[in-house]
Amino acid sequence: MPQTYTTLRSSVEHAETLKNSEFLTYATPIESPQAALEWIKTLRSSHPEATHVCWAYRVEQAYRFSDDGEPGGTAGMPIYKVIEGSGLDRVAVAVVRYYGGTQLGAGGLARAYGGGAAEVLRTAPRLEVRPRVAVALSVPFEFSSALFYLLGSVSLEGREDFYTETGLTVQMWALEQDLSTLEQSLRDTTRGRGELKVLEEDGTEGV
């Protein structure tokens, strides 16, 4: 399970013209290298007349970049260096270039591609993603109200309530970092009669 990381909240873009060449920079959050490549493929198909589509992505320890025909080291690497320096993870950046007839030189290209990436990530809304765990909290009927009160003080997602013959069970996604505190609070609230179980992602009990 990935640790806490910061990514983009949504896809963003930035456009600028340098010496008659148009540079369109796009950035998006991604979940995997495969997703990044699919996104780049889609972006390329939406710009069939572009001279170059240079890109880079980072997903945890995996990364890749491409100059797409520009001189080696002048496009993909500058884009990746910006991603690396931003502290963002699970993100892809692509720069679409429409050549305007004036060469920029190696230094100019690196500044154009790296600068576009830096600008789009500088202005992009960010999202901190914290890992969650599927859990089930079970209590006897007499502690149902106490459980509802406890759940009002924690960060949870995907909550589902189930009534059984003996009490109430609530399944939800809780922050991994909150599990110890949540379990202790449950015990205190129910005088030791409440139970917390960690579930597999399909809802079954973990080992």
C-alpha atoms as a PDB file:
ATOM      1  CA  MET A   1       0.000   0.000   0.000  1.00  0.00           C
ATOM      2  CA  PRO A   2       1.466   3.402  -0.975  1.00  0.00           C
ATOM      3  CA  GLN A   3       2.417   5.862   1.707  1.00  0.00           C
ATOM      4  CA  THR A   4       1.016   9.363   1.926  1.00  0.00           C
ATOM      5  CA  TYR A   5       1.841  11.326  -1.208  1.00  0.00           C
ATOM      6  CA  THR A   6       0.898  14.546  -2.983  1.00  0.00           C
ATOM      7  CA  THR A   7      -0.461  14.563  -6.519  1.00  0.00           C
ATOM      8  CA  LEU A   8      -2.601  16.829  -8.693  1.00  0.00           C
ATOM      9  CA  ARG A   9      -6.223  17.379  -7.779  1.00  0.00           C
ATOM     10  CA  SER A  10      -7.196  17.611 -11.457  1.00  0.00           C
ATOM     11  CA  SER A  11      -5.769  17.934 -14.950  1.00  0.00           C
ATOM     12  CA  VAL A  12      -4.341  21.342 -15.864  1.00  0.00           C
ATOM     13  CA  GLU A  13      -2.783  23.028 -18.885  1.00  0.00           C
ATOM     14  CA  HIS A  14      -0.656  26.015 -19.843  1.00  0.00           C
ATOM     15  CA  ALA A  15       0.092  27.629 -23.207  1.00  0.00           C
ATOM     16  CA  GLU A  16       2.819  29.985 -24.403  1.00  0.00           C
ATOM     17  CA  THR A  17       4.485  31.012 -27.651  1.00  0.00           C
ATOM     18  CA  LEU A  18       8.266  31.296 -27.963  1.00  0.00           C
ATOM     19  CA  LYS A  19       9.831  32.518 -31.208  1.00  0.00           C
ATOM     20  CA  ASN A  20       6.709  31.554 -33.140  1.00  0.00           C
ATOM     21  CA  SER A  21       6.637  28.013 -31.736  1.00  0.00           C
ATOM     22  CA  GLU A  22       3.549  27.168 -29.720  1.00  0.00           C
ATOM     23  CA  PHE A  23       4.090  25.106 -26.557  1.00  0.00           C
ATOM     24  CA  LEU A  24       1.008  23.543 -24.973  1.00  0.00           C
ATOM     25  CA  THR A  25       1.743  21.957 -21.613  1.00  0.00           C
ATOM     26  CA  TYR A  26      -0.591  19.459 -19.980  1.00  0.00           C
ATOM     27  CA  ALA A  27      -0.387  17.754 -16.596  1.00  0.00           C
ATOM     28  CA  THR A  28      -2.613  15.124 -15.044  1.00  0.00           C
ATOM     29  CA  PRO A  29      -2.769  12.799 -12.030  1.00  0.00           C
ATOM     30  CA  ILE A  30      -2.243   9.112 -12.892  1.00  0.00           C
ATOM     31  CA  GLU A  31      -2.441   5.803 -11.042  1.00  0.00           C
ATOM     32  CA  SER A  32       0.116   3.749 -12.999  1.00  0.00           C
ATOM     33  CA  PRO A  33       2.756   3.904 -15.753  1.00  0.00           C
ATOM     34  CA  GLN A  34       0.251   2.231 -18.077  1.00  0.00           C
ATOM     35  CA  ALA A  35      -2.283   4.963 -17.357  1.00  0.00           C
ATOM     36  CA  ALA A  36       0.360   7.588 -18.134  1.00  0.00           C
ATOM     37  CA  LEU A  37       1.159   6.035 -21.502  1.00  0.00           C
ATOM     38  CA  GLU A  38      -2.526   5.790 -22.386  1.00  0.00           C
ATOM     39  CA  TRP A  39      -2.998   9.452 -21.477  1.00  0.00           C
ATOM     40  CA  ILE A  40      -0.028  10.453 -23.641  1.00  0.00           C
ATOM     41  CA  LYS A  41      -1.384   8.362 -26.524  1.00  0.00           C
ATOM     42  CA  THR A  42      -4.757  10.113 -26.259  1.00  0.00           C
ATOM     43  CA  LEU A  43      -3.090  13.527 -26.084  1.00  0.00           C
ATOM     44  CA  ARG A  44      -1.014  12.763 -29.158  1.00  0.00           C
ATOM     45  CA  SER A  45      -4.098  11.688 -31.113  1.00  0.00           C
ATOM     46  CA  SER A  46      -5.789  14.989 -30.244  1.00  0.00           C
ATOM     47  CA  HIS A  47      -2.822  16.916 -31.728  1.00  0.00           C
ATOM     48  CA  PRO A  48      -2.118  15.047 -35.001  1.00  0.00           C
ATOM     49  CA  GLU A  49      -0.381  18.045 -36.575  1.00  0.00           C
ATOM     50  CA  ALA A  50       2.000  18.708 -33.664  1.00  0.00           C
ATOM     51  CA  THR A  51       5.718  18.639 -34.397  1.00  0.00           C
ATOM     52  CA  HIS A  52       6.631  17.008 -31.068  1.00  0.00           C
ATOM     53  CA  VAL A  53       4.855  15.648 -28.015  1.00  0.00           C
ATOM     54  CA  CYS A  54       7.478  15.391 -25.274  1.00  0.00           C
ATOM     55  CA  TRP A  55       6.611  13.988 -21.874  1.00  0.00           C
ATOM     56  CA  ALA A  56       7.596  12.527 -18.525  1.00  0.00           C
ATOM     57  CA  TYR A  57       5.849  10.754 -15.689  1.00  0.00           C
ATOM     58  CA  ARG A  58       6.557   9.587 -12.162  1.00  0.00           C
ATOM     59  CA  VAL A  59       4.706   6.872 -10.238  1.00  0.00           C
ATOM     60  CA  GLU A  60       6.415   6.101  -6.922  1.00  0.00           C
ATOM     61  CA  GLN A  61       9.870   4.816  -7.946  1.00  0.00           C
ATOM     62  CA  ALA A  62       8.936   4.323 -11.605  1.00  0.00           C
ATOM     63  CA  TYR A  63       9.592   7.107 -14.094  1.00  0.00           C
ATOM     64  CA  ARG A  64      10.108   7.595 -17.801  1.00  0.00           C
ATOM     65  CA  PHE A  65      10.521  10.471 -20.237  1.00  0.00           C
ATOM     66  CA  SER A  66      10.748  11.100 -23.975  1.00  0.00           C
ATOM     67  CA  ASP A  67      12.248  13.795 -26.204  1.00  0.00           C
ATOM     68  CA  ASP A  68      10.057  12.669 -29.130  1.00  0.00           C
ATOM     69  CA  GLY A  69      12.543  13.733 -31.790  1.00  0.00           C
ATOM     70  CA  GLU A  70      13.940  16.829 -30.095  1.00  0.00           C
ATOM     71  CA  PRO A  71      17.723  16.813 -29.474  1.00  0.00           C
ATOM     72  CA  GLY A  72      18.603  14.386 -26.687  1.00  0.00           C
ATOM     73  CA  GLY A  73      18.217  15.794 -23.189  1.00  0.00           C
ATOM     74  CA  THR A  74      16.422  18.985 -24.251  1.00  0.00           C
ATOM     75  CA  ALA A  75      12.803  18.036 -23.541  1.00  0.00           C
ATOM     76  CA  GLY A  76      11.897  14.878 -21.632  1.00  0.00           C
ATOM     77  CA  MET A  77      14.616  15.192 -19.017  1.00  0.00           C
ATOM     78  CA  PRO A  78      13.877  18.862 -18.210  1.00  0.00           C
ATOM     79  CA  ILE A  79      10.200  17.964 -17.808  1.00  0.00           C
ATOM     80  CA  TYR A  80      11.032  15.054 -15.513  1.00  0.00           C
ATOM     81  CA  LYS A  81      13.414  17.159 -13.427  1.00  0.00           C
ATOM     82  CA  VAL A  82      10.585  19.610 -12.793  1.00  0.00           C
ATOM     83  CA  ILE A  83       8.278  16.776 -11.669  1.00  0.00           C
ATOM     84  CA  GLU A  84      11.012  15.421  -9.405  1.00  0.00           C
ATOM     85  CA  GLY A  85      11.685  18.823  -7.893  1.00  0.00           C
ATOM     86  CA  SER A  86       8.008  19.530  -7.315  1.00  0.00           C
ATOM     87  CA  GLY A  87       7.615  16.707  -4.798  1.00  0.00           C
ATOM     88  CA  LEU A  88       4.593  15.408  -6.697  1.00  0.00           C
ATOM     89  CA  ASP A  89       3.937  11.717  -7.266  1.00  0.00           C
ATOM     90  CA  ARG A  90       1.646   9.825  -9.635  1.00  0.00           C
ATOM     91  CA  VAL A  91       1.703  12.625 -12.164  1.00  0.00           C
ATOM     92  CA  ALA A  92       2.388  12.935 -15.892  1.00  0.00           C
ATOM     93  CA  VAL A  93       3.343  16.056 -17.850  1.00  0.00           C
ATOM     94  CA  ALA A  94       3.391  16.416 -21.629  1.00  0.00           C
ATOM     95  CA  VAL A  95       4.389  19.372 -23.777  1.00  0.00           C
ATOM     96  CA  VAL A  96       2.973  19.629 -27.295  1.00  0.00           C
ATOM     97  CA  ARG A  97       5.050  21.742 -29.668  1.00  0.00           C
ATOM     98  CA  TYR A  98       3.958  23.277 -32.934  1.00  0.00           C
ATOM     99  CA  TYR A  99       7.164  24.392 -34.647  1.00  0.00           C
ATOM    100  CA  GLY A 100       7.098  28.001 -35.788  1.00  0.00           C
ATOM    101  CA  GLY A 101      10.122  28.026 -38.077  1.00  0.00           C
ATOM    102  CA  THR A 102      12.741  29.453 -35.697  1.00  0.00           C
ATOM    103  CA  GLN A 103      15.180  27.143 -33.951  1.00  0.00           C
ATOM    104  CA  LEU A 104      15.622  27.678 -30.219  1.00  0.00           C
ATOM    105  CA  GLY A 105      18.908  25.841 -29.694  1.00  0.00           C
ATOM    106  CA  ALA A 106      19.505  23.216 -27.030  1.00  0.00           C
ATOM    107  CA  GLY A 107      19.416  25.678 -24.144  1.00  0.00           C
ATOM    108  CA  GLY A 108      16.301  27.379 -25.451  1.00  0.00           C
ATOM    109  CA  LEU A 109      14.504  24.079 -25.862  1.00  0.00           C
ATOM    110  CA  ALA A 110      15.380  22.939 -22.348  1.00  0.00           C
ATOM    111  CA  ARG A 111      14.116  26.236 -20.955  1.00  0.00           C
ATOM    112  CA  ALA A 112      10.934  26.050 -23.023  1.00  0.00           C
ATOM    113  CA  TYR A 113      10.025  22.488 -22.060  1.00  0.00           C
ATOM    114  CA  GLY A 114      11.195  22.753 -18.471  1.00  0.00           C
ATOM    115  CA  GLY A 115       9.641  26.179 -18.083  1.00  0.00           C
ATOM    116  CA  GLY A 116       6.277  25.017 -19.361  1.00  0.00           C
ATOM    117  CA  ALA A 117       6.303  22.076 -16.971  1.00  0.00           C
ATOM    118  CA  ALA A 118       7.315  24.301 -14.065  1.00  0.00           C
ATOM    119  CA  GLU A 119       4.560  26.805 -14.773  1.00  0.00           C
ATOM    120  CA  VAL A 120       1.783  24.247 -15.159  1.00  0.00           C
ATOM    121  CA  LEU A 121       2.737  22.484 -11.915  1.00  0.00           C
ATOM    122  CA  ARG A 122       3.237  25.766 -10.064  1.00  0.00           C
ATOM    123  CA  THR A 123      -0.351  26.811 -10.648  1.00  0.00           C
ATOM    124  CA  ALA A 124      -1.945  23.347 -10.392  1.00  0.00           C
ATOM    125  CA  PRO A 125      -4.216  22.481  -7.439  1.00  0.00           C
ATOM    126  CA  ARG A 126      -2.674  19.765  -5.278  1.00  0.00           C
ATOM    127  CA  LEU A 127      -4.123  16.854  -3.367  1.00  0.00           C
ATOM    128  CA  GLU A 128      -2.606  14.979  -0.448  1.00  0.00           C
ATOM    129  CA  VAL A 129      -3.523  11.303  -0.675  1.00  0.00           C
ATOM    130  CA  ARG A 130      -3.385   9.295   2.526  1.00  0.00           C
ATOM    131  CA  PRO A 131      -3.766   5.496   2.449  1.00  0.00           C
ATOM    132  CA  ARG A 132      -6.985   4.014   3.777  1.00  0.00           C
ATOM    133  CA  VAL A 133      -7.853   0.574   5.087  1.00  0.00           C
ATOM    134  CA  ALA A 134     -11.184  -1.266   4.923  1.00  0.00           C
ATOM    135  CA  VAL A 135     -12.409  -1.984   8.445  1.00  0.00           C
ATOM    136  CA  ALA A 136     -15.504  -3.315  10.199  1.00  0.00           C
ATOM    137  CA  LEU A 137     -16.555  -1.971  13.605  1.00  0.00           C
ATOM    138  CA  SER A 138     -19.035  -4.149  15.489  1.00  0.00           C
ATOM    139  CA  VAL A 139     -20.875  -3.327  18.714  1.00  0.00           C
ATOM    140  CA  PRO A 140     -23.867  -4.714  20.666  1.00  0.00           C
ATOM    141  CA  PHE A 141     -27.155  -2.853  20.120  1.00  0.00           C
ATOM    142  CA  GLU A 142     -26.870  -0.838  23.328  1.00  0.00           C
ATOM    143  CA  PHE A 143     -23.685   0.845  22.042  1.00  0.00           C
ATOM    144  CA  SER A 144     -25.069   1.839  18.624  1.00  0.00           C
ATOM    145  CA  SER A 145     -25.455   5.495  19.584  1.00  0.00           C
ATOM    146  CA  ALA A 146     -21.976   5.556  21.058  1.00  0.00           C
ATOM    147  CA  LEU A 147     -20.571   4.121  17.828  1.00  0.00           C
ATOM    148  CA  PHE A 148     -22.387   6.714  15.722  1.00  0.00           C
ATOM    149  CA  TYR A 149     -20.960   9.452  17.939  1.00  0.00           C
ATOM    150  CA  LEU A 150     -17.454   7.993  17.609  1.00  0.00           C
ATOM    151  CA  LEU A 151     -17.695   7.836  13.810  1.00  0.00           C
ATOM    152  CA  GLY A 152     -18.566  11.526  13.730  1.00  0.00           C
ATOM    153  CA  SER A 153     -15.046  12.342  14.924  1.00  0.00           C
ATOM    154  CA  VAL A 154     -13.030  10.338  12.365  1.00  0.00           C
ATOM    155  CA  SER A 155     -12.283  10.671   8.653  1.00  0.00           C
ATOM    156  CA  LEU A 156     -14.101   7.898   6.812  1.00  0.00           C
ATOM    157  CA  GLU A 157     -15.267   6.958   3.324  1.00  0.00           C
ATOM    158  CA  GLY A 158     -17.662   4.413   1.876  1.00  0.00           C
ATOM    159  CA  ARG A 159     -19.573   3.795   5.100  1.00  0.00           C
ATOM    160  CA  GLU A 160     -22.157   0.989   5.185  1.00  0.00           C
ATOM    161  CA  ASP A 161     -24.251  -0.012   8.225  1.00  0.00           C
ATOM    162  CA  PHE A 162     -25.408  -3.593   8.839  1.00  0.00           C
ATOM    163  CA  TYR A 163     -27.717  -4.764  11.615  1.00  0.00           C
ATOM    164  CA  THR A 164     -27.278  -8.331  12.807  1.00  0.00           C
ATOM    165  CA  GLU A 165     -28.958 -10.470  15.429  1.00  0.00           C
ATOM    166  CA  THR A 166     -26.511  -9.294  18.068  1.00  0.00           C
ATOM    167  CA  GLY A 167     -25.823  -5.681  17.180  1.00  0.00           C
ATOM    168  CA  LEU A 168     -24.534  -3.194  14.639  1.00  0.00           C
ATOM    169  CA  THR A 169     -21.599  -3.521  12.243  1.00  0.00           C
ATOM    170  CA  VAL A 170     -20.252  -0.548  10.301  1.00  0.00           C
ATOM    171  CA  GLN A 171     -17.911  -1.130   7.365  1.00  0.00           C
ATOM    172  CA  MET A 172     -15.889   1.785   6.051  1.00  0.00           C
ATOM    173  CA  TRP A 173     -12.550   2.986   4.767  1.00  0.00           C
ATOM    174  CA  ALA A 174     -10.532   4.572   7.564  1.00  0.00           C
ATOM    175  CA  LEU A 175      -7.190   6.331   7.432  1.00  0.00           C
ATOM    176  CA  GLU A 176      -4.435   3.835   8.094  1.00  0.00           C
ATOM    177  CA  GLN A 177      -2.755   6.257  10.475  1.00  0.00           C
ATOM    178  CA  ASP A 178      -5.934   6.427  12.605  1.00  0.00           C
ATOM    179  CA  LEU A 179      -6.432   2.690  13.181  1.00  0.00           C
ATOM    180  CA  SER A 180      -4.714   2.421  16.571  1.00  0.00           C
ATOM    181  CA  THR A 181      -6.529   5.439  17.988  1.00  0.00           C
ATOM    182  CA  LEU A 182      -9.842   4.293  16.504  1.00  0.00           C
ATOM    183  CA  GLU A 183      -9.521   0.835  18.000  1.00  0.00           C
ATOM    184  CA  GLN A 184      -8.656   2.215  21.438  1.00  0.00           C
ATOM    185  CA  SER A 185     -11.549   4.694  21.308  1.00  0.00           C
ATOM    186  CA  LEU A 186     -13.908   1.888  20.345  1.00  0.00           C
ATOM    187  CA  ARG A 187     -12.821  -0.179  23.327  1.00  0.00           C
ATOM    188  CA  ASP A 188     -13.173   2.770  25.697  1.00  0.00           C
ATOM    189  CA  THR A 189     -16.586   3.739  24.325  1.00  0.00           C
ATOM    190  CA  THR A 190     -18.004   0.207  24.556  1.00  0.00           C
ATOM    191  CA  ARG A 191     -16.190  -0.886  27.731  1.00  0.00           C
ATOM    192  CA  GLY A 192     -14.261  -3.456  25.748  1.00  0.00           C
ATOM    193  CA  ARG A 193     -17.258  -4.969  23.966  1.00  0.00           C
ATOM    194  CA  GLY A 194     -16.666  -3.348  20.586  1.00  0.00           C
ATOM    195  CA  GLU A 195     -14.532  -5.009  17.933  1.00  0.00           C
ATOM    196  CA  LEU A 196     -12.510  -3.663  15.007  1.00  0.00           C
ATOM    197  CA  LYS A 197     -11.487  -5.962  12.155  1.00  0.00           C
ATOM    198  CA  VAL A 198      -9.330  -5.085   9.174  1.00  0.00           C
ATOM    199  CA  LEU A 199     -10.882  -6.295   5.918  1.00  0.00           C
ATOM    200  CA  GLU A 200      -9.496  -7.184   2.555  1.00  0.00           C
ATOM    201  CA  GLU A 201     -10.434  -4.820  -0.288  1.00  0.00           C
ATOM    202  CA  ASP A 202     -13.296  -7.124  -1.307  1.00  0.00           C
ATOM    203  CA  GLY A 203     -14.833  -6.810   2.155  1.00  0.00           C
ATOM    204  CA  THR A 204     -13.656 -10.140   3.556  1.00  0.00           C
ATOM    205  CA  GLU A 205     -11.699 -10.394   6.785  1.00  0.00           C
ATOM    206  CA  GLY A 206      -7.946 -10.087   6.530  1.00  0.00           C
ATOM    207  CA  VAL A 207      -5.577 -12.620   8.018  1.00  0.00           C
END
